[in-house]
Amino acid sequence: MASNYRAACIAQTKRVFTSKISIVFEEADESVFWIEFVADEGLMDTALIVPLLHEARELADIFGASRRTAQRNQGKKGAA
């Protein structure tokens, strides 16, 4: 996720940024899935999982919002 976020930050066009930030969002959401899986299967102490799950959901929300904003801005006149 971090390497794709870094790539998004140095994207040369809005279209490339949108593409990269979409990948970051998908990876953040996948992280949420796997943390939920670990919790559902009882593979780790719940007290340890809760803060990780909270953080993963916050990151997914942030990157999802970034993607929506990028998609909106990409459609504006003069978008690269």
PDB file of N, CA and C in Angstrom:
ATOM      1  N   MET A   1       0.826  -1.181   0.000  1.00  0.00           N
ATOM      2  CA  MET A   1       0.000   0.000   0.000  1.00  0.00           C
ATOM      3  C   MET A   1       0.873   1.248   0.000  1.00  0.00           C
ATOM      4  N   ALA A   2       1.909   1.254   0.797  1.00  0.00           N
ATOM      5  CA  ALA A   2       2.747   2.446   0.923  1.00  0.00           C
ATOM      6  C   ALA A   2       3.441   2.795  -0.388  1.00  0.00           C
ATOM      7  N   SER A   3       3.918   1.795  -1.118  1.00  0.00           N
ATOM      8  CA  SER A   3       4.620   2.092  -2.369  1.00  0.00           C
ATOM      9  C   SER A   3       3.665   2.656  -3.419  1.00  0.00           C
ATOM     10  N   ASN A   4       2.445   2.161  -3.440  1.00  0.00           N
ATOM     11  CA  ASN A   4       1.457   2.709  -4.381  1.00  0.00           C
ATOM     12  C   ASN A   4       1.030   4.117  -3.983  1.00  0.00           C
ATOM     13  N   TYR A   5       0.954   4.382  -2.684  1.00  0.00           N
ATOM     14  CA  TYR A   5       0.640   5.739  -2.240  1.00  0.00           C
ATOM     15  C   TYR A   5       1.753   6.699  -2.660  1.00  0.00           C
ATOM     16  N   ARG A   6       2.985   6.244  -2.501  1.00  0.00           N
ATOM     17  CA  ARG A   6       4.119   7.078  -2.916  1.00  0.00           C
ATOM     18  C   ARG A   6       4.058   7.349  -4.422  1.00  0.00           C
ATOM     19  N   ALA A   7       3.725   6.323  -5.188  1.00  0.00           N
ATOM     20  CA  ALA A   7       3.592   6.497  -6.639  1.00  0.00           C
ATOM     21  C   ALA A   7       2.466   7.479  -6.969  1.00  0.00           C
ATOM     22  N   ALA A   8       1.377   7.427  -6.221  1.00  0.00           N
ATOM     23  CA  ALA A   8       0.275   8.372  -6.448  1.00  0.00           C
ATOM     24  C   ALA A   8       0.733   9.803  -6.176  1.00  0.00           C
ATOM     25  N   CYS A   9       1.529   9.968  -5.152  1.00  0.00           N
ATOM     26  CA  CYS A   9       1.985  11.309  -4.776  1.00  0.00           C
ATOM     27  C   CYS A   9       2.872  11.953  -5.837  1.00  0.00           C
ATOM     28  N   ILE A  10       3.552  11.149  -6.630  1.00  0.00           N
ATOM     29  CA  ILE A  10       4.420  11.720  -7.660  1.00  0.00           C
ATOM     30  C   ILE A  10       3.846  11.541  -9.060  1.00  0.00           C
ATOM     31  N   ALA A  11       2.567  11.202  -9.127  1.00  0.00           N
ATOM     32  CA  ALA A  11       1.917  11.016 -10.427  1.00  0.00           C
ATOM     33  C   ALA A  11       2.025  12.290 -11.261  1.00  0.00           C
ATOM     34  N   GLN A  12       2.232  12.095 -12.555  1.00  0.00           N
ATOM     35  CA  GLN A  12       2.431  13.239 -13.434  1.00  0.00           C
ATOM     36  C   GLN A  12       1.134  13.756 -14.034  1.00  0.00           C
ATOM     37  N   THR A  13       0.067  12.982 -13.928  1.00  0.00           N
ATOM     38  CA  THR A  13      -1.228  13.443 -14.428  1.00  0.00           C
ATOM     39  C   THR A  13      -2.305  13.094 -13.415  1.00  0.00           C
ATOM     40  N   LYS A  14      -3.439  13.752 -13.532  1.00  0.00           N
ATOM     41  CA  LYS A  14      -4.565  13.455 -12.644  1.00  0.00           C
ATOM     42  C   LYS A  14      -5.071  12.036 -12.883  1.00  0.00           C
ATOM     43  N   ARG A  15      -5.032  11.603 -14.123  1.00  0.00           N
ATOM     44  CA  ARG A  15      -5.502  10.250 -14.448  1.00  0.00           C
ATOM     45  C   ARG A  15      -4.631   9.190 -13.771  1.00  0.00           C
ATOM     46  N   VAL A  16      -3.314   9.381 -13.808  1.00  0.00           N
ATOM     47  CA  VAL A  16      -2.405   8.426 -13.157  1.00  0.00           C
ATOM     48  C   VAL A  16      -2.606   8.469 -11.646  1.00  0.00           C
ATOM     49  N   PHE A  17      -2.768   9.676 -11.085  1.00  0.00           N
ATOM     50  CA  PHE A  17      -3.027   9.784  -9.647  1.00  0.00           C
ATOM     51  C   PHE A  17      -4.288   9.004  -9.277  1.00  0.00           C
ATOM     52  N   THR A  18      -5.344   9.210 -10.049  1.00  0.00           N
ATOM     53  CA  THR A  18      -6.608   8.526  -9.762  1.00  0.00           C
ATOM     54  C   THR A  18      -6.431   7.014  -9.821  1.00  0.00           C
ATOM     55  N   SER A  19      -5.694   6.539 -10.801  1.00  0.00           N
ATOM     56  CA  SER A  19      -5.451   5.110 -10.932  1.00  0.00           C
ATOM     57  C   SER A  19      -4.674   4.572  -9.732  1.00  0.00           C
ATOM     58  N   LYS A  20      -3.613   5.257  -9.359  1.00  0.00           N
ATOM     59  CA  LYS A  20      -2.779   4.799  -8.239  1.00  0.00           C
ATOM     60  C   LYS A  20      -3.529   4.880  -6.908  1.00  0.00           C
ATOM     61  N   ILE A  21      -4.263   5.960  -6.686  1.00  0.00           N
ATOM     62  CA  ILE A  21      -4.983   6.099  -5.411  1.00  0.00           C
ATOM     63  C   ILE A  21      -6.105   5.062  -5.321  1.00  0.00           C
ATOM     64  N   SER A  22      -6.623   4.645  -6.476  1.00  0.00           N
ATOM     65  CA  SER A  22      -7.623   3.573  -6.482  1.00  0.00           C
ATOM     66  C   SER A  22      -7.012   2.262  -6.010  1.00  0.00           C
ATOM     67  N   ILE A  23      -5.787   1.998  -6.440  1.00  0.00           N
ATOM     68  CA  ILE A  23      -5.086   0.793  -5.994  1.00  0.00           C
ATOM     69  C   ILE A  23      -4.825   0.866  -4.491  1.00  0.00           C
ATOM     70  N   VAL A  24      -4.425   2.031  -4.018  1.00  0.00           N
ATOM     71  CA  VAL A  24      -4.180   2.211  -2.583  1.00  0.00           C
ATOM     72  C   VAL A  24      -5.463   1.936  -1.794  1.00  0.00           C
ATOM     73  N   PHE A  25      -6.584   2.483  -2.268  1.00  0.00           N
ATOM     74  CA  PHE A  25      -7.873   2.249  -1.602  1.00  0.00           C
ATOM     75  C   PHE A  25      -8.206   0.761  -1.570  1.00  0.00           C
ATOM     76  N   GLU A  26      -8.021   0.081  -2.695  1.00  0.00           N
ATOM     77  CA  GLU A  26      -8.310  -1.353  -2.745  1.00  0.00           C
ATOM     78  C   GLU A  26      -7.439  -2.137  -1.762  1.00  0.00           C
ATOM     79  N   GLU A  27      -6.174  -1.774  -1.672  1.00  0.00           N
ATOM     80  CA  GLU A  27      -5.280  -2.464  -0.744  1.00  0.00           C
ATOM     81  C   GLU A  27      -5.643  -2.181   0.709  1.00  0.00           C
ATOM     82  N   ALA A  28      -6.055  -0.958   0.995  1.00  0.00           N
ATOM     83  CA  ALA A  28      -6.487  -0.629   2.359  1.00  0.00           C
ATOM     84  C   ALA A  28      -7.732  -1.433   2.721  1.00  0.00           C
ATOM     85  N   ASP A  29      -8.663  -1.532   1.769  1.00  0.00           N
ATOM     86  CA  ASP A  29      -9.878  -2.309   2.010  1.00  0.00           C
ATOM     87  C   ASP A  29      -9.550  -3.792   2.186  1.00  0.00           C
ATOM     88  N   GLU A  30      -8.587  -4.282   1.431  1.00  0.00           N
ATOM     89  CA  GLU A  30      -8.161  -5.675   1.592  1.00  0.00           C
ATOM     90  C   GLU A  30      -7.555  -5.904   2.978  1.00  0.00           C
ATOM     91  N   SER A  31      -6.830  -4.923   3.473  1.00  0.00           N
ATOM     92  CA  SER A  31      -6.271  -5.026   4.826  1.00  0.00           C
ATOM     93  C   SER A  31      -7.386  -5.138   5.864  1.00  0.00           C
ATOM     94  N   VAL A  32      -8.441  -4.345   5.679  1.00  0.00           N
ATOM     95  CA  VAL A  32      -9.610  -4.437   6.567  1.00  0.00           C
ATOM     96  C   VAL A  32     -10.173  -5.852   6.526  1.00  0.00           C
ATOM     97  N   PHE A  33     -10.322  -6.390   5.322  1.00  0.00           N
ATOM     98  CA  PHE A  33     -10.845  -7.748   5.170  1.00  0.00           C
ATOM     99  C   PHE A  33     -10.025  -8.752   5.970  1.00  0.00           C
ATOM    100  N   TRP A  34      -8.691  -8.710   5.814  1.00  0.00           N
ATOM    101  CA  TRP A  34      -7.853  -9.697   6.476  1.00  0.00           C
ATOM    102  C   TRP A  34      -7.844  -9.526   7.988  1.00  0.00           C
ATOM    103  N   ILE A  35      -7.896  -8.307   8.461  1.00  0.00           N
ATOM    104  CA  ILE A  35      -7.964  -8.096   9.914  1.00  0.00           C
ATOM    105  C   ILE A  35      -9.291  -8.618  10.457  1.00  0.00           C
ATOM    106  N   GLU A  36     -10.377  -8.368   9.718  1.00  0.00           N
ATOM    107  CA  GLU A  36     -11.679  -8.917  10.123  1.00  0.00           C
ATOM    108  C   GLU A  36     -11.654 -10.446  10.110  1.00  0.00           C
ATOM    109  N   PHE A  37     -10.992 -11.019   9.122  1.00  0.00           N
ATOM    110  CA  PHE A  37     -10.862 -12.476   9.037  1.00  0.00           C
ATOM    111  C   PHE A  37     -10.141 -13.028  10.261  1.00  0.00           C
ATOM    112  N   VAL A  38      -9.036 -12.394  10.614  1.00  0.00           N
ATOM    113  CA  VAL A  38      -8.271 -12.818  11.801  1.00  0.00           C
ATOM    114  C   VAL A  38      -9.162 -12.744  13.041  1.00  0.00           C
ATOM    115  N   ALA A  39      -9.940 -11.680  13.146  1.00  0.00           N
ATOM    116  CA  ALA A  39     -10.845 -11.527  14.298  1.00  0.00           C
ATOM    117  C   ALA A  39     -11.924 -12.604  14.287  1.00  0.00           C
ATOM    118  N   ASP A  40     -12.557 -12.806  13.132  1.00  0.00           N
ATOM    119  CA  ASP A  40     -13.648 -13.785  13.025  1.00  0.00           C
ATOM    120  C   ASP A  40     -13.184 -15.207  13.330  1.00  0.00           C
ATOM    121  N   GLU A  41     -11.955 -15.507  12.953  1.00  0.00           N
ATOM    122  CA  GLU A  41     -11.418 -16.856  13.179  1.00  0.00           C
ATOM    123  C   GLU A  41     -10.792 -17.019  14.554  1.00  0.00           C
ATOM    124  N   GLY A  42     -10.738 -15.930  15.336  1.00  0.00           N
ATOM    125  CA  GLY A  42     -10.165 -16.004  16.677  1.00  0.00           C
ATOM    126  C   GLY A  42      -8.676 -16.302  16.673  1.00  0.00           C
ATOM    127  N   LEU A  43      -7.983 -15.803  15.654  1.00  0.00           N
ATOM    128  CA  LEU A  43      -6.557 -16.091  15.510  1.00  0.00           C
ATOM    129  C   LEU A  43      -5.665 -15.169  16.333  1.00  0.00           C
ATOM    130  N   MET A  44      -6.272 -14.129  16.901  1.00  0.00           N
ATOM    131  CA  MET A  44      -5.495 -13.150  17.651  1.00  0.00           C
ATOM    132  C   MET A  44      -6.385 -12.566  18.740  1.00  0.00           C
ATOM    133  N   ASP A  45      -5.774 -12.112  19.800  1.00  0.00           N
ATOM    134  CA  ASP A  45      -6.503 -11.507  20.900  1.00  0.00           C
ATOM    135  C   ASP A  45      -7.271 -10.274  20.403  1.00  0.00           C
ATOM    136  N   THR A  46      -8.540 -10.203  20.697  1.00  0.00           N
ATOM    137  CA  THR A  46      -9.401  -9.106  20.255  1.00  0.00           C
ATOM    138  C   THR A  46      -8.868  -7.744  20.684  1.00  0.00           C
ATOM    139  N   ALA A  47      -8.290  -7.680  21.853  1.00  0.00           N
ATOM    140  CA  ALA A  47      -7.754  -6.402  22.346  1.00  0.00           C
ATOM    141  C   ALA A  47      -6.643  -5.872  21.439  1.00  0.00           C
ATOM    142  N   LEU A  48      -5.930  -6.774  20.790  1.00  0.00           N
ATOM    143  CA  LEU A  48      -4.879  -6.362  19.861  1.00  0.00           C
ATOM    144  C   LEU A  48      -5.441  -6.004  18.486  1.00  0.00           C
ATOM    145  N   ILE A  49      -6.532  -6.643  18.111  1.00  0.00           N
ATOM    146  CA  ILE A  49      -7.116  -6.457  16.783  1.00  0.00           C
ATOM    147  C   ILE A  49      -7.895  -5.152  16.665  1.00  0.00           C
ATOM    148  N   VAL A  50      -8.619  -4.777  17.696  1.00  0.00           N
ATOM    149  CA  VAL A  50      -9.508  -3.612  17.626  1.00  0.00           C
ATOM    150  C   VAL A  50      -8.798  -2.341  17.161  1.00  0.00           C
ATOM    151  N   PRO A  51      -7.652  -1.964  17.745  1.00  0.00           N
ATOM    152  CA  PRO A  51      -7.008  -0.740  17.257  1.00  0.00           C
ATOM    153  C   PRO A  51      -6.504  -0.866  15.816  1.00  0.00           C
ATOM    154  N   LEU A  52      -6.047  -2.052  15.437  1.00  0.00           N
ATOM    155  CA  LEU A  52      -5.605  -2.263  14.056  1.00  0.00           C
ATOM    156  C   LEU A  52      -6.763  -2.119  13.083  1.00  0.00           C
ATOM    157  N   LEU A  53      -7.884  -2.698  13.437  1.00  0.00           N
ATOM    158  CA  LEU A  53      -9.068  -2.627  12.588  1.00  0.00           C
ATOM    159  C   LEU A  53      -9.563  -1.191  12.471  1.00  0.00           C
ATOM    160  N   HIS A  54      -9.558  -0.473  13.572  1.00  0.00           N
ATOM    161  CA  HIS A  54      -9.972   0.928  13.562  1.00  0.00           C
ATOM    162  C   HIS A  54      -9.077   1.737  12.624  1.00  0.00           C
ATOM    163  N   GLU A  55      -7.785   1.568  12.745  1.00  0.00           N
ATOM    164  CA  GLU A  55      -6.827   2.294  11.902  1.00  0.00           C
ATOM    165  C   GLU A  55      -6.988   1.924  10.429  1.00  0.00           C
ATOM    166  N   ALA A  56      -7.148   0.643  10.150  1.00  0.00           N
ATOM    167  CA  ALA A  56      -7.313   0.193   8.763  1.00  0.00           C
ATOM    168  C   ALA A  56      -8.580   0.770   8.142  1.00  0.00           C
ATOM    169  N   ARG A  57      -9.654   0.803   8.907  1.00  0.00           N
ATOM    170  CA  ARG A  57     -10.904   1.390   8.389  1.00  0.00           C
ATOM    171  C   ARG A  57     -10.759   2.884   8.147  1.00  0.00           C
ATOM    172  N   GLU A  58     -10.070   3.577   9.042  1.00  0.00           N
ATOM    173  CA  GLU A  58      -9.841   5.014   8.849  1.00  0.00           C
ATOM    174  C   GLU A  58      -9.025   5.269   7.585  1.00  0.00           C
ATOM    175  N   LEU A  59      -7.981   4.483   7.385  1.00  0.00           N
ATOM    176  CA  LEU A  59      -7.162   4.648   6.182  1.00  0.00           C
ATOM    177  C   LEU A  59      -7.969   4.357   4.918  1.00  0.00           C
ATOM    178  N   ALA A  60      -8.764   3.303   4.948  1.00  0.00           N
ATOM    179  CA  ALA A  60      -9.607   2.986   3.789  1.00  0.00           C
ATOM    180  C   ALA A  60     -10.573   4.137   3.509  1.00  0.00           C
ATOM    181  N   ASP A  61     -11.140   4.714   4.556  1.00  0.00           N
ATOM    182  CA  ASP A  61     -12.050   5.855   4.375  1.00  0.00           C
ATOM    183  C   ASP A  61     -11.324   7.061   3.766  1.00  0.00           C
ATOM    184  N   ILE A  62     -10.124   7.330   4.246  1.00  0.00           N
ATOM    185  CA  ILE A  62      -9.339   8.459   3.732  1.00  0.00           C
ATOM    186  C   ILE A  62      -9.003   8.248   2.255  1.00  0.00           C
ATOM    187  N   PHE A  63      -8.508   7.064   1.916  1.00  0.00           N
ATOM    188  CA  PHE A  63      -8.131   6.812   0.529  1.00  0.00           C
ATOM    189  C   PHE A  63      -9.355   6.726  -0.380  1.00  0.00           C
ATOM    190  N   GLY A  64     -10.465   6.244   0.144  1.00  0.00           N
ATOM    191  CA  GLY A  64     -11.704   6.242  -0.633  1.00  0.00           C
ATOM    192  C   GLY A  64     -12.169   7.657  -0.936  1.00  0.00           C
ATOM    193  N   ALA A  65     -12.069   8.532   0.053  1.00  0.00           N
ATOM    194  CA  ALA A  65     -12.439   9.942  -0.155  1.00  0.00           C
ATOM    195  C   ALA A  65     -11.492  10.607  -1.142  1.00  0.00           C
ATOM    196  N   SER A  66     -10.211  10.286  -1.053  1.00  0.00           N
ATOM    197  CA  SER A  66      -9.234  10.835  -1.999  1.00  0.00           C
ATOM    198  C   SER A  66      -9.557  10.400  -3.422  1.00  0.00           C
ATOM    199  N   ARG A  67      -9.931   9.136  -3.576  1.00  0.00           N
ATOM    200  CA  ARG A  67     -10.286   8.641  -4.909  1.00  0.00           C
ATOM    201  C   ARG A  67     -11.508   9.351  -5.452  1.00  0.00           C
ATOM    202  N   ARG A  68     -12.526   9.511  -4.621  1.00  0.00           N
ATOM    203  CA  ARG A  68     -13.739  10.195  -5.087  1.00  0.00           C
ATOM    204  C   ARG A  68     -13.428  11.629  -5.507  1.00  0.00           C
ATOM    205  N   THR A  69     -12.613  12.319  -4.722  1.00  0.00           N
ATOM    206  CA  THR A  69     -12.233  13.696  -5.058  1.00  0.00           C
ATOM    207  C   THR A  69     -11.445  13.718  -6.366  1.00  0.00           C
ATOM    208  N   ALA A  70     -10.510  12.800  -6.514  1.00  0.00           N
ATOM    209  CA  ALA A  70      -9.700  12.743  -7.737  1.00  0.00           C
ATOM    210  C   ALA A  70     -10.575  12.463  -8.952  1.00  0.00           C
ATOM    211  N   GLN A  71     -11.522  11.561  -8.814  1.00  0.00           N
ATOM    212  CA  GLN A  71     -12.424  11.244  -9.930  1.00  0.00           C
ATOM    213  C   GLN A  71     -13.265  12.456 -10.300  1.00  0.00           C
ATOM    214  N   ARG A  72     -13.727  13.185  -9.297  1.00  0.00           N
ATOM    215  CA  ARG A  72     -14.511  14.393  -9.539  1.00  0.00           C
ATOM    216  C   ARG A  72     -13.657  15.446 -10.246  1.00  0.00           C
ATOM    217  N   ASN A  73     -12.438  15.647  -9.756  1.00  0.00           N
ATOM    218  CA  ASN A  73     -11.556  16.649 -10.335  1.00  0.00           C
ATOM    219  C   ASN A  73     -11.048  16.270 -11.718  1.00  0.00           C
ATOM    220  N   GLN A  74     -10.931  14.995 -11.965  1.00  0.00           N
ATOM    221  CA  GLN A  74     -10.452  14.527 -13.263  1.00  0.00           C
ATOM    222  C   GLN A  74     -11.427  14.922 -14.377  1.00  0.00           C
ATOM    223  N   GLY A  75     -12.696  14.991 -14.044  1.00  0.00           N
ATOM    224  CA  GLY A  75     -13.697  15.337 -15.034  1.00  0.00           C
ATOM    225  C   GLY A  75     -13.795  16.824 -15.323  1.00  0.00           C
ATOM    226  N   LYS A  76     -13.097  17.645 -14.533  1.00  0.00           N
ATOM    227  CA  LYS A  76     -13.166  19.099 -14.726  1.00  0.00           C
ATOM    228  C   LYS A  76     -12.367  19.516 -15.961  1.00  0.00           C
ATOM    229  N   LYS A  77     -12.767  20.609 -16.573  1.00  0.00           N
ATOM    230  CA  LYS A  77     -12.103  21.142 -17.751  1.00  0.00           C
ATOM    231  C   LYS A  77     -10.628  21.400 -17.445  1.00  0.00           C
ATOM    232  N   GLY A  78      -9.773  20.990 -18.381  1.00  0.00           N
ATOM    233  CA  GLY A  78      -8.342  21.200 -18.215  1.00  0.00           C
ATOM    234  C   GLY A  78      -7.636  20.107 -17.435  1.00  0.00           C
ATOM    235  N   ALA A  79      -8.363  19.052 -17.093  1.00  0.00           N
ATOM    236  CA  ALA A  79      -7.728  17.963 -16.359  1.00  0.00           C
ATOM    237  C   ALA A  79      -6.705  17.275 -17.245  1.00  0.00           C
ATOM    238  N   ALA A  80      -5.570  16.975 -16.675  1.00  0.00           N
ATOM    239  CA  ALA A  80      -4.502  16.317 -17.462  1.00  0.00           C
ATOM    240  C   ALA A  80      -4.721  14.834 -17.522  1.00  0.00           C
TER     241      ALA A  80
END
